[in-house]
Amino acid sequence: MIKIPSKKKFRMGVMLGVFLVIVIAWGVNTWNSNRVKDIGEMIDFNQNEFVSMELSYSINGTNGEWSTESAETTKELIDFLSAYKVKKDEGSNLLGDYLEIQINDTTSKPLLIHITEDKVHYLVGKYYKLVNGPINLKWVEDYINRHNE
């Protein structure tokens, strides 16, 4: 039996530990990005840092833009979208009616999300398909009209 000096044992142990940490971190990250989650989980919304929300939309042949500086109004939309679950998807077929949300806060770059009835594109290159859709874009249209008055 070969006896390994204690410094080599220590180095090998450290290297094995670092390798295990990297493998576990990769596994957790892969699991998290591929699990089913609701749209609200994707939106990093902090009411204390909120500045504004801007919407661009095309719903039932009506195109428009709308914005608000109300955190409560924005939270209402996020709460509605939280009812919808998504799963990571490869592809970018985002045709039809859409809702594009931009949330601005004091701490980071704007958050951009493009939503159709059955797809979500988190604008950092991540695509998702709806698991329990389609999204009720009529509700969104009513929401915009209700808050426009």
C-alpha atoms as a PDB file:
ATOM      1  CA  MET A   1       0.000   0.000   0.000  1.00  0.00           C
ATOM      2  CA  ILE A   2       1.324   3.408  -0.966  1.00  0.00           C
ATOM      3  CA  LYS A   3       1.300   5.995   1.782  1.00  0.00           C
ATOM      4  CA  ILE A   4       0.302   9.483   0.581  1.00  0.00           C
ATOM      5  CA  PRO A   5       1.917  12.354   2.474  1.00  0.00           C
ATOM      6  CA  SER A   6      -0.560  14.445   4.456  1.00  0.00           C
ATOM      7  CA  LYS A   7      -0.133  17.589   2.269  1.00  0.00           C
ATOM      8  CA  LYS A   8      -1.151  15.606  -0.800  1.00  0.00           C
ATOM      9  CA  LYS A   9      -4.135  14.144   1.061  1.00  0.00           C
ATOM     10  CA  PHE A  10      -5.212  17.624   2.057  1.00  0.00           C
ATOM     11  CA  ARG A  11      -4.871  18.956  -1.505  1.00  0.00           C
ATOM     12  CA  MET A  12      -6.761  16.002  -2.945  1.00  0.00           C
ATOM     13  CA  GLY A  13      -9.499  16.481  -0.349  1.00  0.00           C
ATOM     14  CA  VAL A  14      -9.782  20.184  -1.173  1.00  0.00           C
ATOM     15  CA  MET A  15      -9.866  19.471  -4.912  1.00  0.00           C
ATOM     16  CA  LEU A  16     -12.534  16.798  -4.418  1.00  0.00           C
ATOM     17  CA  GLY A  17     -14.554  19.182  -2.233  1.00  0.00           C
ATOM     18  CA  VAL A  18     -14.359  21.983  -4.804  1.00  0.00           C
ATOM     19  CA  PHE A  19     -15.364  19.558  -7.557  1.00  0.00           C
ATOM     20  CA  LEU A  20     -18.373  18.357  -5.540  1.00  0.00           C
ATOM     21  CA  VAL A  21     -19.484  21.941  -4.810  1.00  0.00           C
ATOM     22  CA  ILE A  22     -19.291  22.799  -8.529  1.00  0.00           C
ATOM     23  CA  VAL A  23     -21.251  19.682  -9.522  1.00  0.00           C
ATOM     24  CA  ILE A  24     -23.941  20.327  -6.893  1.00  0.00           C
ATOM     25  CA  ALA A  25     -24.246  24.013  -7.858  1.00  0.00           C
ATOM     26  CA  TRP A  26     -24.561  23.072 -11.533  1.00  0.00           C
ATOM     27  CA  GLY A  27     -27.215  20.461 -10.718  1.00  0.00           C
ATOM     28  CA  VAL A  28     -29.281  22.861  -8.587  1.00  0.00           C
ATOM     29  CA  ASN A  29     -29.035  25.578 -11.256  1.00  0.00           C
ATOM     30  CA  THR A  30     -30.111  23.151 -13.999  1.00  0.00           C
ATOM     31  CA  TRP A  31     -33.016  21.874 -11.898  1.00  0.00           C
ATOM     32  CA  ASN A  32     -34.158  25.427 -11.062  1.00  0.00           C
ATOM     33  CA  SER A  33     -34.066  26.660 -14.654  1.00  0.00           C
ATOM     34  CA  ASN A  34     -36.020  23.640 -15.956  1.00  0.00           C
ATOM     35  CA  ARG A  35     -38.695  23.314 -13.274  1.00  0.00           C
ATOM     36  CA  VAL A  36     -42.281  24.471 -13.671  1.00  0.00           C
ATOM     37  CA  LYS A  37     -42.734  27.895 -12.064  1.00  0.00           C
ATOM     38  CA  ASP A  38     -45.279  30.679 -12.170  1.00  0.00           C
ATOM     39  CA  ILE A  39     -44.721  33.876 -14.121  1.00  0.00           C
ATOM     40  CA  GLY A  40     -44.704  35.882 -10.887  1.00  0.00           C
ATOM     41  CA  GLU A  41     -41.578  34.007  -9.760  1.00  0.00           C
ATOM     42  CA  MET A  42     -39.772  35.237 -12.871  1.00  0.00           C
ATOM     43  CA  ILE A  43     -40.590  38.866 -12.144  1.00  0.00           C
ATOM     44  CA  ASP A  44     -38.252  40.286  -9.527  1.00  0.00           C
ATOM     45  CA  PHE A  45     -40.636  42.863  -8.099  1.00  0.00           C
ATOM     46  CA  ASN A  46     -39.809  44.911  -5.018  1.00  0.00           C
ATOM     47  CA  GLN A  47     -42.392  47.580  -4.231  1.00  0.00           C
ATOM     48  CA  ASN A  48     -39.827  49.667  -2.289  1.00  0.00           C
ATOM     49  CA  GLU A  49     -37.527  49.933  -5.336  1.00  0.00           C
ATOM     50  CA  PHE A  50     -40.262  50.240  -7.962  1.00  0.00           C
ATOM     51  CA  VAL A  51     -40.194  53.254 -10.313  1.00  0.00           C
ATOM     52  CA  SER A  52     -42.577  52.468 -13.185  1.00  0.00           C
ATOM     53  CA  MET A  53     -44.126  49.829 -15.409  1.00  0.00           C
ATOM     54  CA  GLU A  54     -44.641  50.214 -19.141  1.00  0.00           C
ATOM     55  CA  LEU A  55     -46.858  47.980 -21.264  1.00  0.00           C
ATOM     56  CA  SER A  56     -46.928  47.577 -25.009  1.00  0.00           C
ATOM     57  CA  TYR A  57     -49.700  45.365 -26.272  1.00  0.00           C
ATOM     58  CA  SER A  58     -51.654  44.024 -29.190  1.00  0.00           C
ATOM     59  CA  ILE A  59     -54.909  42.496 -27.972  1.00  0.00           C
ATOM     60  CA  ASN A  60     -57.866  41.676 -30.219  1.00  0.00           C
ATOM     61  CA  GLY A  61     -56.621  43.983 -32.973  1.00  0.00           C
ATOM     62  CA  THR A  62     -55.993  46.892 -30.582  1.00  0.00           C
ATOM     63  CA  ASN A  63     -52.395  48.066 -30.316  1.00  0.00           C
ATOM     64  CA  GLY A  64     -51.252  50.452 -27.658  1.00  0.00           C
ATOM     65  CA  GLU A  65     -48.931  51.490 -24.923  1.00  0.00           C
ATOM     66  CA  TRP A  66     -49.703  52.229 -21.316  1.00  0.00           C
ATOM     67  CA  SER A  67     -47.648  53.003 -18.233  1.00  0.00           C
ATOM     68  CA  THR A  68     -48.038  53.484 -14.510  1.00  0.00           C
ATOM     69  CA  GLU A  69     -45.962  54.644 -11.575  1.00  0.00           C
ATOM     70  CA  SER A  70     -48.218  52.830  -9.117  1.00  0.00           C
ATOM     71  CA  ALA A  71     -46.625  49.846  -7.406  1.00  0.00           C
ATOM     72  CA  GLU A  72     -50.063  48.581  -6.324  1.00  0.00           C
ATOM     73  CA  THR A  73     -51.366  48.616  -9.911  1.00  0.00           C
ATOM     74  CA  THR A  74     -48.245  46.758 -11.064  1.00  0.00           C
ATOM     75  CA  LYS A  75     -48.591  44.204  -8.265  1.00  0.00           C
ATOM     76  CA  GLU A  76     -52.182  43.554  -9.378  1.00  0.00           C
ATOM     77  CA  LEU A  77     -50.955  42.557 -12.849  1.00  0.00           C
ATOM     78  CA  ILE A  78     -48.124  40.418 -11.436  1.00  0.00           C
ATOM     79  CA  ASP A  79     -50.582  38.673  -9.087  1.00  0.00           C
ATOM     80  CA  PHE A  80     -52.819  37.899 -12.078  1.00  0.00           C
ATOM     81  CA  LEU A  81     -49.893  36.511 -14.086  1.00  0.00           C
ATOM     82  CA  SER A  82     -48.770  34.408 -11.094  1.00  0.00           C
ATOM     83  CA  ALA A  83     -51.712  32.083 -11.735  1.00  0.00           C
ATOM     84  CA  TYR A  84     -49.987  30.909 -14.927  1.00  0.00           C
ATOM     85  CA  LYS A  85     -47.260  28.268 -14.825  1.00  0.00           C
ATOM     86  CA  VAL A  86     -44.436  28.025 -17.347  1.00  0.00           C
ATOM     87  CA  LYS A  87     -41.723  25.539 -18.237  1.00  0.00           C
ATOM     88  CA  LYS A  88     -38.483  26.307 -20.062  1.00  0.00           C
ATOM     89  CA  ASP A  89     -38.781  25.896 -23.816  1.00  0.00           C
ATOM     90  CA  GLU A  90     -36.472  26.030 -26.801  1.00  0.00           C
ATOM     91  CA  GLY A  91     -37.878  28.249 -29.493  1.00  0.00           C
ATOM     92  CA  SER A  92     -39.178  31.670 -30.186  1.00  0.00           C
ATOM     93  CA  ASN A  93     -42.550  31.361 -31.920  1.00  0.00           C
ATOM     94  CA  LEU A  94     -44.166  34.460 -30.402  1.00  0.00           C
ATOM     95  CA  LEU A  95     -46.961  35.123 -32.878  1.00  0.00           C
ATOM     96  CA  GLY A  96     -50.383  36.613 -32.243  1.00  0.00           C
ATOM     97  CA  ASP A  97     -51.681  38.893 -29.533  1.00  0.00           C
ATOM     98  CA  TYR A  98     -49.010  39.923 -27.055  1.00  0.00           C
ATOM     99  CA  LEU A  99     -48.235  41.850 -23.930  1.00  0.00           C
ATOM    100  CA  GLU A 100     -44.775  43.304 -23.376  1.00  0.00           C
ATOM    101  CA  ILE A 101     -43.978  44.391 -19.829  1.00  0.00           C
ATOM    102  CA  GLN A 102     -41.073  46.585 -18.783  1.00  0.00           C
ATOM    103  CA  ILE A 103     -40.569  47.129 -15.066  1.00  0.00           C
ATOM    104  CA  ASN A 104     -38.133  49.817 -13.992  1.00  0.00           C
ATOM    105  CA  ASP A 105     -36.683  50.041 -10.503  1.00  0.00           C
ATOM    106  CA  THR A 106     -33.933  51.946  -8.739  1.00  0.00           C
ATOM    107  CA  THR A 107     -31.423  49.104  -8.504  1.00  0.00           C
ATOM    108  CA  SER A 108     -30.998  47.369 -11.844  1.00  0.00           C
ATOM    109  CA  LYS A 109     -31.612  47.336 -15.557  1.00  0.00           C
ATOM    110  CA  PRO A 110     -35.258  47.221 -16.650  1.00  0.00           C
ATOM    111  CA  LEU A 111     -36.949  43.839 -16.531  1.00  0.00           C
ATOM    112  CA  LEU A 112     -38.463  42.959 -19.929  1.00  0.00           C
ATOM    113  CA  ILE A 113     -40.979  40.177 -20.549  1.00  0.00           C
ATOM    114  CA  HIS A 114     -42.831  39.425 -23.794  1.00  0.00           C
ATOM    115  CA  ILE A 115     -45.986  37.337 -23.298  1.00  0.00           C
ATOM    116  CA  THR A 116     -48.319  35.752 -25.837  1.00  0.00           C
ATOM    117  CA  GLU A 117     -51.266  33.499 -25.057  1.00  0.00           C
ATOM    118  CA  ASP A 118     -49.061  30.408 -24.828  1.00  0.00           C
ATOM    119  CA  LYS A 119     -45.416  31.573 -24.667  1.00  0.00           C
ATOM    120  CA  VAL A 120     -43.277  33.791 -22.469  1.00  0.00           C
ATOM    121  CA  HIS A 121     -39.947  35.319 -23.466  1.00  0.00           C
ATOM    122  CA  TYR A 122     -37.974  36.618 -20.536  1.00  0.00           C
ATOM    123  CA  LEU A 123     -35.777  39.041 -22.465  1.00  0.00           C
ATOM    124  CA  VAL A 124     -32.433  37.687 -21.387  1.00  0.00           C
ATOM    125  CA  GLY A 125     -32.737  34.900 -23.925  1.00  0.00           C
ATOM    126  CA  LYS A 126     -34.985  32.530 -21.966  1.00  0.00           C
ATOM    127  CA  TYR A 127     -38.133  31.139 -23.552  1.00  0.00           C
ATOM    128  CA  TYR A 128     -40.966  29.426 -21.711  1.00  0.00           C
ATOM    129  CA  LYS A 129     -44.166  27.687 -22.746  1.00  0.00           C
ATOM    130  CA  LEU A 130     -47.340  27.946 -20.716  1.00  0.00           C
ATOM    131  CA  VAL A 131     -48.297  24.795 -18.897  1.00  0.00           C
ATOM    132  CA  ASN A 132     -51.777  25.947 -17.844  1.00  0.00           C
ATOM    133  CA  GLY A 133     -52.632  28.535 -20.505  1.00  0.00           C
ATOM    134  CA  PRO A 134     -53.663  30.284 -22.576  1.00  0.00           C
ATOM    135  CA  ILE A 135     -53.301  33.584 -20.742  1.00  0.00           C
ATOM    136  CA  ASN A 136     -56.532  35.526 -20.551  1.00  0.00           C
ATOM    137  CA  LEU A 137     -55.448  38.627 -22.479  1.00  0.00           C
ATOM    138  CA  LYS A 138     -59.030  39.948 -22.255  1.00  0.00           C
ATOM    139  CA  TRP A 139     -58.432  40.345 -18.498  1.00  0.00           C
ATOM    140  CA  VAL A 140     -55.288  42.362 -19.305  1.00  0.00           C
ATOM    141  CA  GLU A 141     -57.254  44.544 -21.722  1.00  0.00           C
ATOM    142  CA  ASP A 142     -59.900  45.167 -19.033  1.00  0.00           C
ATOM    143  CA  TYR A 143     -57.125  45.856 -16.497  1.00  0.00           C
ATOM    144  CA  ILE A 144     -55.612  48.528 -18.765  1.00  0.00           C
ATOM    145  CA  ASN A 145     -59.013  50.106 -19.433  1.00  0.00           C
ATOM    146  CA  ARG A 146     -59.903  50.083 -15.714  1.00  0.00           C
ATOM    147  CA  HIS A 147     -56.667  51.864 -14.748  1.00  0.00           C
ATOM    148  CA  ASN A 148     -56.811  54.300 -17.683  1.00  0.00           C
ATOM    149  CA  GLU A 149     -59.929  55.971 -16.351  1.00  0.00           C
END
